[in-house]
């Protein structure tokens, strides 16, 4: 093979692979500022005009992003059209594609179809249910609730040491509200129990208001044993915000606050000793060097045999490696909480956080880091072995050509290793809720203010002439991404 042609082909492939990994940063730059200005429909048009920002491997993310933006724009039918398509894509990808997995071993994780992170997938289904709630279609919202519960059931049946997310406090808390609106008290209490349990076991802190509400509702419905199991304490707060009665008519405000973090690359390096240890290092956001020591991951049996025949992976063989890992990229936001005032109220109600997507992403990265490192290191070592074999076969009598070949092959192999930085960064940083019990049949005006950490007003929204029927839960949404 002509060395120049071979080198050019490798270089072209590397450029294509690098361009794939920059799609996430391009999307971030183009879409984040639009959401900051609440320009949701123009952002959707940007996505539709340039779907190449996603590519075929990120079709799920393409549909989820559009559906999420339509939800913020209060175009609920359009939102569900795209979100439901994203959910269908996940179902299609549920059975692993051997071809894509094999390509990922040789190239990088960006060639794998994006299946979404578990908490993103649940948030996708949550948005579908909330779209139905906005249209007062509680029956279809409950259908989506049951569909999501099947996901949890499947995750709990599997051994998922790398992903410890098997329940979601927000999902179960909203589900308890929906069941209560239909008079299904037993299911409402089961969902409320699961919500508190998920708060206690997950990264999002149980709000004092939900602690008090759950304690009172379990007591009201003769489920004191649930209080004991969950170690709930009565009267954590002086006042309870939210209904403490079965089938209470309510106005429910859901607030989306701040911007979810994105992902970026972080360079890791270290030493791999076959049948020994993997010692790797990286620098954190503050520049501090951190080390991690793991058992050396096993190479795939088929590739191991090829490598051993080439004399490269005998026990004790040492490889010095460099690779890229995804790292959280936090986005500063002014919005801290929401204040809600309603006709007939003497004082406004403050929202409480029921989901924190920044904490969810941090936990996901922690839970999956060891597995991601092992998969990436195996890929780097196999690529290193392949590069060495390639250089041996293409050596010439020209010393300069050999030098260029060796250096070029190493550079290209290095450029092929890119971290998978795809994520649904259009989700909010936190999801918050305020529950306002009301007397059915009356007219209500609701004023919502987005507040900064210091309590200053960032933005506001007013909804006038709201009526609430008996046992009805009327959902209102407000997004503040500043």
Foldseek 3Di string as FASTA:
>chain_A
DPLVVVLVVLVVVLVVLLVLQCLQVVLCVLQVVCVQVLVLPVNLVVCVVCVVSQDPLAQLLSLQLNLVSCVQVLVLVSSLVSLVVSVVVLVVCVPPDPVQVVVCLQFNPSSHRDNADPVVNVVSLQSNLVSCLQVVNLVVSLVSLVVVVVVLVVVVVDDQQLAPDSAALVSLQVNLLSCLLVVNNVSSLVSLLRNLVCCVVADHHDDPLSLQLNCLQCVVVVNNVSCVVSVRDHCPDVDHFADNDGLFWKEKEKEFFAWFWFKDKWKKWFKAFAQAKTKIWTADPVRDIDIDIDGQADAPPVLVVVLVVVVQRDGGHMDIDMFIEIDIGDDDGFFDWKWKDKPPDPGTDIWDFRDFNNRVVVVSCVSNVVVSVNSLVSSLVSLVSVLVVVLVVPDDPDPVSSVCSNVSSVVSSHSSRDYNRDHNRRGGRTMIMGIHGDDAPDWMKMKMFGAGPVGDTDDIDIDGGDGIHRSRYNYDYDYNHD
